[in-house]
């Protein structure tokens, strides 16, 4: 994406400050990122050479989790921290399985929201809301969410590759509990989260790189994530590496680095 092409994104875009969502877009081969994002992303790759493989594995998990939800009767999705749309969006995966599926995207990053608005303009079964997932009351009350999602029926709430941007002081357990209370029995919660359990030195080095982005990243251990998921019932195989969740033998190179789980609201 050329820096001269940002007039449609609105005001308030700092082209000189790397953005975590745009860096993720860059890892996936997307075009909605700027020079500062690419430069810092490459620094992260230098200290964590398997970054792109881990991100790709996480994206594959997202697709499997969405199809799992549809297979278990879910027809509405709330995607928190949805990021910049790229190939294999939630609505594309869900609607390929059942065209009646509805998806409400939520993000607080200007480029992600602007591009999503353009992409979804002609799709009445999808919406984008600019809001911070750390404010569940605002997210759940937003008209663009409420007009699409019926919380009296099962819903899939997705927090994929986003909660590692919420610090401990941000009360991650309380945030998840607020969303869980709004979810009808039979709903699914989909989580993935970066970890340093497998390569602690490299993960720590990458986290230091992200200190120069707009949103630092906090890798968490499996034990910490399990505690955050208290109150949910995990679908087998439970909280595992993203490469191991309902996967088939990998066709290409993948690398561990994200824990992943799908949980049920009883």
Protein backbone atom coordinates (compact mmCIF):
# COMPACT_ATOMS: atom_id res chain seq x y z
CA UNK A 1 0.00 0.00 0.00
CA UNK A 2 1.49 3.31 -1.05
CA UNK A 3 1.64 6.08 1.52
CA UNK A 4 0.08 8.40 -1.07
CA UNK A 5 -3.02 6.19 -1.14
CA UNK A 6 -4.19 6.80 2.41
CA UNK A 7 -6.75 9.57 1.83
CA UNK A 8 -9.62 7.07 1.98
CA UNK A 9 -8.54 5.82 5.42
CA UNK A 10 -9.54 9.06 7.12
CA UNK A 11 -7.51 11.25 9.40
CA UNK A 12 -5.43 10.22 12.37
CA UNK A 13 -3.19 7.68 10.60
CA UNK A 14 0.40 7.95 11.83
CA UNK A 15 2.47 6.64 8.94
CA UNK A 16 5.66 6.72 10.99
CA UNK A 17 4.44 4.55 13.88
CA UNK A 18 4.30 0.80 13.24
CA UNK A 19 0.91 -0.77 13.86
CA UNK A 20 0.50 -4.36 15.03
CA UNK A 21 -2.54 -5.07 12.84
CA UNK A 22 -0.77 -3.80 9.73
CA UNK A 23 2.34 -5.83 10.65
CA UNK A 24 0.15 -8.94 10.84
CA UNK A 25 -1.25 -8.06 7.41
CA UNK A 26 2.32 -7.83 6.10
CA UNK A 27 3.25 -11.28 7.49
CA UNK A 28 0.27 -12.72 5.60
CA UNK A 29 1.32 -11.06 2.36
CA UNK A 30 -1.33 -8.34 2.46
CA UNK A 31 -1.08 -4.91 0.87
CA UNK A 32 -2.55 -2.71 3.60
CA UNK A 33 0.61 -1.78 5.46
CA UNK A 34 3.10 1.06 5.40
CA UNK A 35 6.90 1.32 5.33
CA UNK A 36 7.16 1.66 9.12
CA UNK A 37 5.05 -1.49 9.56
CA UNK A 38 7.15 -3.48 7.12
CA UNK A 39 10.44 -2.32 8.63
CA UNK A 40 9.49 -3.33 12.17
CA UNK A 41 7.93 -6.59 10.97
CA UNK A 42 11.20 -7.51 9.29
CA UNK A 43 13.03 -6.77 12.55
CA UNK A 44 10.66 -9.18 14.29
CA UNK A 45 11.35 -11.82 11.64
CA UNK A 46 15.09 -11.38 12.17
CA UNK A 47 14.80 -12.36 15.84
CA UNK A 48 12.00 -14.90 15.26
CA UNK A 49 12.68 -16.42 11.82
CA UNK A 50 9.54 -18.60 11.96
CA UNK A 51 7.19 -15.63 12.48
CA UNK A 52 5.47 -15.95 9.10
CA UNK A 53 4.97 -19.70 9.51
CA UNK A 54 3.43 -19.22 12.96
CA UNK A 55 1.09 -16.52 11.67
CA UNK A 56 0.07 -18.74 8.75
CA UNK A 57 -0.59 -21.63 11.16
CA UNK A 58 -2.77 -19.34 13.25
CA UNK A 59 -4.72 -18.30 10.16
CA UNK A 60 -5.27 -21.96 9.28
CA UNK A 61 -6.59 -22.58 12.79
CA UNK A 62 -9.08 -19.71 12.34
CA UNK A 63 -10.51 -21.37 9.25
CA UNK A 64 -10.85 -24.75 10.96
CA UNK A 65 -12.46 -23.18 14.02
CA UNK A 66 -15.03 -21.29 11.96
CA UNK A 67 -15.97 -24.42 10.03
CA UNK A 68 -16.25 -26.28 13.34
CA UNK A 69 -18.66 -23.67 14.65
CA UNK A 70 -20.83 -23.87 11.53
CA UNK A 71 -20.83 -27.66 11.73
CA UNK A 72 -22.19 -27.36 15.28
CA UNK A 73 -25.07 -25.13 14.33
CA UNK A 74 -23.56 -21.65 14.79
CA UNK A 75 -24.77 -19.17 12.19
CA UNK A 76 -23.65 -15.88 13.74
CA UNK A 77 -20.15 -14.69 14.56
CA UNK A 78 -18.71 -11.78 16.55
CA UNK A 79 -15.08 -11.32 15.54
CA UNK A 80 -13.18 -9.21 18.11
CA UNK A 81 -10.03 -7.51 16.88
CA UNK A 82 -10.78 -8.72 13.37
CA UNK A 83 -7.85 -6.85 11.83
CA UNK A 84 -7.27 -5.94 8.22
CA UNK A 85 -9.30 -8.11 5.82
CA UNK A 86 -7.18 -10.50 3.80
CA UNK A 87 -7.76 -13.82 2.07
CA UNK A 88 -9.80 -16.21 4.19
CA UNK A 89 -11.94 -13.79 6.19
CA UNK A 90 -14.41 -15.18 8.70
CA UNK A 91 -17.46 -14.26 6.62
CA UNK A 92 -15.97 -15.92 3.54
CA UNK A 93 -15.27 -19.15 5.41
CA UNK A 94 -18.58 -19.22 7.25
CA UNK A 95 -20.75 -18.28 4.27
CA UNK A 96 -18.99 -20.86 2.09
CA UNK A 97 -20.23 -23.45 4.59
CA UNK A 98 -23.69 -21.88 4.97
CA UNK A 99 -24.71 -18.71 3.08
CA UNK A 100 -27.05 -17.70 5.92
CA UNK A 101 -24.14 -17.01 8.30
CA UNK A 102 -23.84 -13.47 9.69
CA UNK A 103 -20.60 -11.87 10.86
CA UNK A 104 -20.07 -8.73 12.94
CA UNK A 105 -16.47 -7.56 12.84
CA UNK A 106 -15.03 -5.32 15.57
CA UNK A 107 -11.72 -3.48 15.50
CA UNK A 108 -10.29 -0.19 16.72
CA UNK A 109 -7.61 0.29 14.05
CA UNK A 110 -8.46 2.93 11.44
CA UNK A 111 -7.06 1.16 8.37
CA UNK A 112 -8.73 -2.13 9.32
CA UNK A 113 -12.10 -0.45 9.80
CA UNK A 114 -11.85 1.66 6.63
CA UNK A 115 -10.87 -1.26 4.43
CA UNK A 116 -13.48 -3.52 6.02
CA UNK A 117 -16.15 -0.88 5.36
CA UNK A 118 -15.26 -0.89 1.67
CA UNK A 119 -15.06 -4.66 1.44
CA UNK A 120 -18.38 -5.26 3.20
CA UNK A 121 -20.39 -2.40 1.73
CA UNK A 122 -22.55 -4.66 -0.44
CA UNK A 123 -22.90 -7.58 2.02
CA UNK A 124 -26.00 -7.20 4.22
CA UNK A 125 -24.93 -10.15 6.38
CA UNK A 126 -21.70 -8.55 7.62
CA UNK A 127 -20.90 -5.36 9.53
CA UNK A 128 -17.82 -3.60 10.88
CA UNK A 129 -17.81 -1.68 14.16
CA UNK A 130 -15.00 0.57 15.31
CA UNK A 131 -14.70 -0.23 19.02
CA UNK A 132 -12.24 -1.57 21.54
CA UNK A 133 -12.81 -5.19 22.58
CA UNK A 134 -11.71 -4.20 26.09
CA UNK A 135 -15.05 -2.38 26.44
CA UNK A 136 -17.54 -5.28 26.13
CA UNK A 137 -20.54 -3.14 27.09
CA UNK A 138 -19.90 -0.78 24.19
CA UNK A 139 -19.19 -3.60 21.75
CA UNK A 140 -22.30 -5.55 22.69
CA UNK A 141 -24.53 -2.46 22.56
CA UNK A 142 -23.27 -1.17 19.21
CA UNK A 143 -26.11 -0.94 16.66
CA UNK A 144 -23.93 -2.54 13.99
CA UNK A 145 -23.53 -5.54 16.29
CA UNK A 146 -27.08 -5.68 17.66
CA UNK A 147 -28.72 -5.40 14.23
CA UNK A 148 -26.91 -8.54 13.12
CA UNK A 149 -26.35 -10.70 16.20
CA UNK A 150 -29.16 -12.21 18.29
CA UNK A 151 -27.53 -12.98 21.63
CA UNK A 152 -30.50 -15.09 22.71
CA UNK A 153 -29.26 -17.65 20.17
CA UNK A 154 -25.86 -19.38 20.06
CA UNK A 155 -23.07 -17.17 18.73
CA UNK A 156 -19.38 -17.71 18.09
CA UNK A 157 -17.23 -15.02 19.69
CA UNK A 158 -13.73 -14.95 18.23
CA UNK A 159 -10.63 -13.52 19.89
CA UNK A 160 -7.99 -14.75 17.48
CA UNK A 161 -4.45 -13.35 17.80
CA UNK A 162 -5.65 -10.33 19.76
CA UNK A 163 -5.69 -10.91 23.53
CA UNK A 164 -1.88 -10.84 23.67
CA UNK A 165 -2.27 -7.09 23.12
CA UNK A 166 -4.24 -6.81 26.38
CA UNK A 167 -1.87 -6.36 29.35
CA UNK A 168 -2.49 -7.97 32.70
CA UNK A 169 -3.64 -4.59 34.00
CA UNK A 170 -6.35 -4.71 31.33
CA UNK A 171 -8.24 -7.45 33.25
CA UNK A 172 -8.37 -10.10 30.49
CA UNK A 173 -10.35 -12.56 32.65
CA UNK A 174 -13.00 -9.95 33.40
CA UNK A 175 -13.25 -9.03 29.73
CA UNK A 176 -13.84 -12.67 28.76
CA UNK A 177 -16.33 -13.11 31.58
CA UNK A 178 -18.33 -10.10 30.34
CA UNK A 179 -18.60 -11.62 26.86
CA UNK A 180 -19.38 -15.06 28.27
CA UNK A 181 -22.33 -13.69 30.25
CA UNK A 182 -23.80 -12.31 27.02
CA UNK A 183 -23.53 -15.64 25.18
CA UNK A 184 -26.43 -18.10 25.05
CA UNK A 185 -25.86 -21.76 25.98
CA UNK A 186 -24.36 -23.65 23.06
CA UNK A 187 -22.28 -20.67 22.00
CA UNK A 188 -18.60 -21.09 21.11
CA UNK A 189 -15.60 -18.99 22.13
CA UNK A 190 -12.59 -19.17 19.80
CA UNK A 191 -9.17 -18.15 21.11
CA UNK A 192 -5.63 -18.04 19.84
CA UNK A 193 -2.74 -16.34 21.61
CA UNK A 194 1.02 -16.06 21.19
CA UNK A 195 3.24 -17.90 23.65
CA UNK A 196 6.88 -18.11 24.56
CA UNK A 197 6.59 -21.64 25.92
CA UNK A 198 8.30 -23.23 22.91
CA UNK A 199 11.03 -20.68 22.13
CA UNK A 200 11.25 -18.34 25.13
CA UNK A 201 14.35 -16.43 24.05
CA UNK A 202 13.07 -15.72 20.56
CA UNK A 203 9.60 -14.84 21.84
CA UNK A 204 11.09 -12.41 24.33
CA UNK A 205 13.22 -10.82 21.61
CA UNK A 206 10.16 -10.41 19.37
CA UNK A 207 8.21 -8.89 22.26
CA UNK A 208 11.00 -6.33 22.67
CA UNK A 209 10.68 -5.46 18.98
CA UNK A 210 6.92 -4.93 19.45
CA UNK A 211 7.64 -2.43 22.20
CA UNK A 212 8.31 -0.02 19.33
CA UNK A 213 4.87 -0.65 17.79
CA UNK A 214 1.68 1.12 18.81
CA UNK A 215 0.60 -1.91 20.83
CA UNK A 216 3.14 -4.07 22.69
CA UNK A 217 2.61 -7.81 22.71
CA UNK A 218 2.50 -10.04 25.80
CA UNK A 219 3.16 -13.75 25.20
CA UNK A 220 1.43 -15.92 27.82
CA UNK A 221 2.00 -19.45 29.06
CA UNK A 222 -0.43 -22.32 28.62
CA UNK A 223 -1.18 -22.23 32.35
CA UNK A 224 -2.01 -18.52 32.24
CA UNK A 225 -4.31 -18.95 29.25
CA UNK A 226 -6.06 -21.89 30.89
CA UNK A 227 -6.81 -19.66 33.87
CA UNK A 228 -8.21 -16.98 31.57
CA UNK A 229 -10.59 -19.55 30.08
CA UNK A 230 -12.09 -20.50 33.44
CA UNK A 231 -15.85 -20.79 33.10
CA UNK A 232 -15.72 -22.16 29.55
CA UNK A 233 -15.81 -25.85 28.63
CA UNK A 234 -13.01 -26.66 26.20
CA UNK A 235 -13.73 -28.67 23.07
CA UNK A 236 -11.24 -31.57 22.67
CA UNK A 237 -8.29 -31.52 22.26
CA UNK A 238 -8.44 -28.50 24.57
CA UNK A 239 -5.83 -25.75 24.70
CA UNK A 240 -3.11 -26.86 22.31
CA UNK A 241 -0.76 -25.42 19.75
CA UNK A 242 -2.62 -23.99 16.78
CA UNK A 243 -1.00 -26.57 14.51
CA UNK A 244 -2.58 -29.36 16.59
CA UNK A 245 -6.18 -28.19 16.82
CA UNK A 246 -8.33 -30.45 14.58
CA UNK A 247 -5.60 -30.39 11.96
CA UNK A 248 -4.56 -32.78 9.27
CA UNK A 249 -0.89 -33.45 8.53
CA UNK A 250 0.59 -30.16 7.34
CA UNK A 251 1.06 -29.83 3.63
CA UNK A 252 3.79 -27.24 4.12
CA UNK A 253 6.04 -25.85 6.81
CA UNK A 254 4.36 -24.71 10.01
CA UNK A 255 5.78 -23.64 13.32
CA UNK A 256 4.42 -23.59 16.81
CA UNK A 257 3.97 -20.26 18.55
CA UNK A 258 0.22 -19.81 19.09
CA UNK A 259 -1.93 -21.64 21.58
CA UNK A 260 -5.46 -22.20 20.37
CA UNK A 261 -8.77 -23.45 21.72
CA UNK A 262 -12.49 -23.54 21.07
CA UNK A 263 -14.75 -23.54 24.11
CA UNK A 264 -18.46 -24.03 24.71
CA UNK A 265 -20.78 -21.96 26.89
CA UNK A 266 -22.84 -24.45 28.86
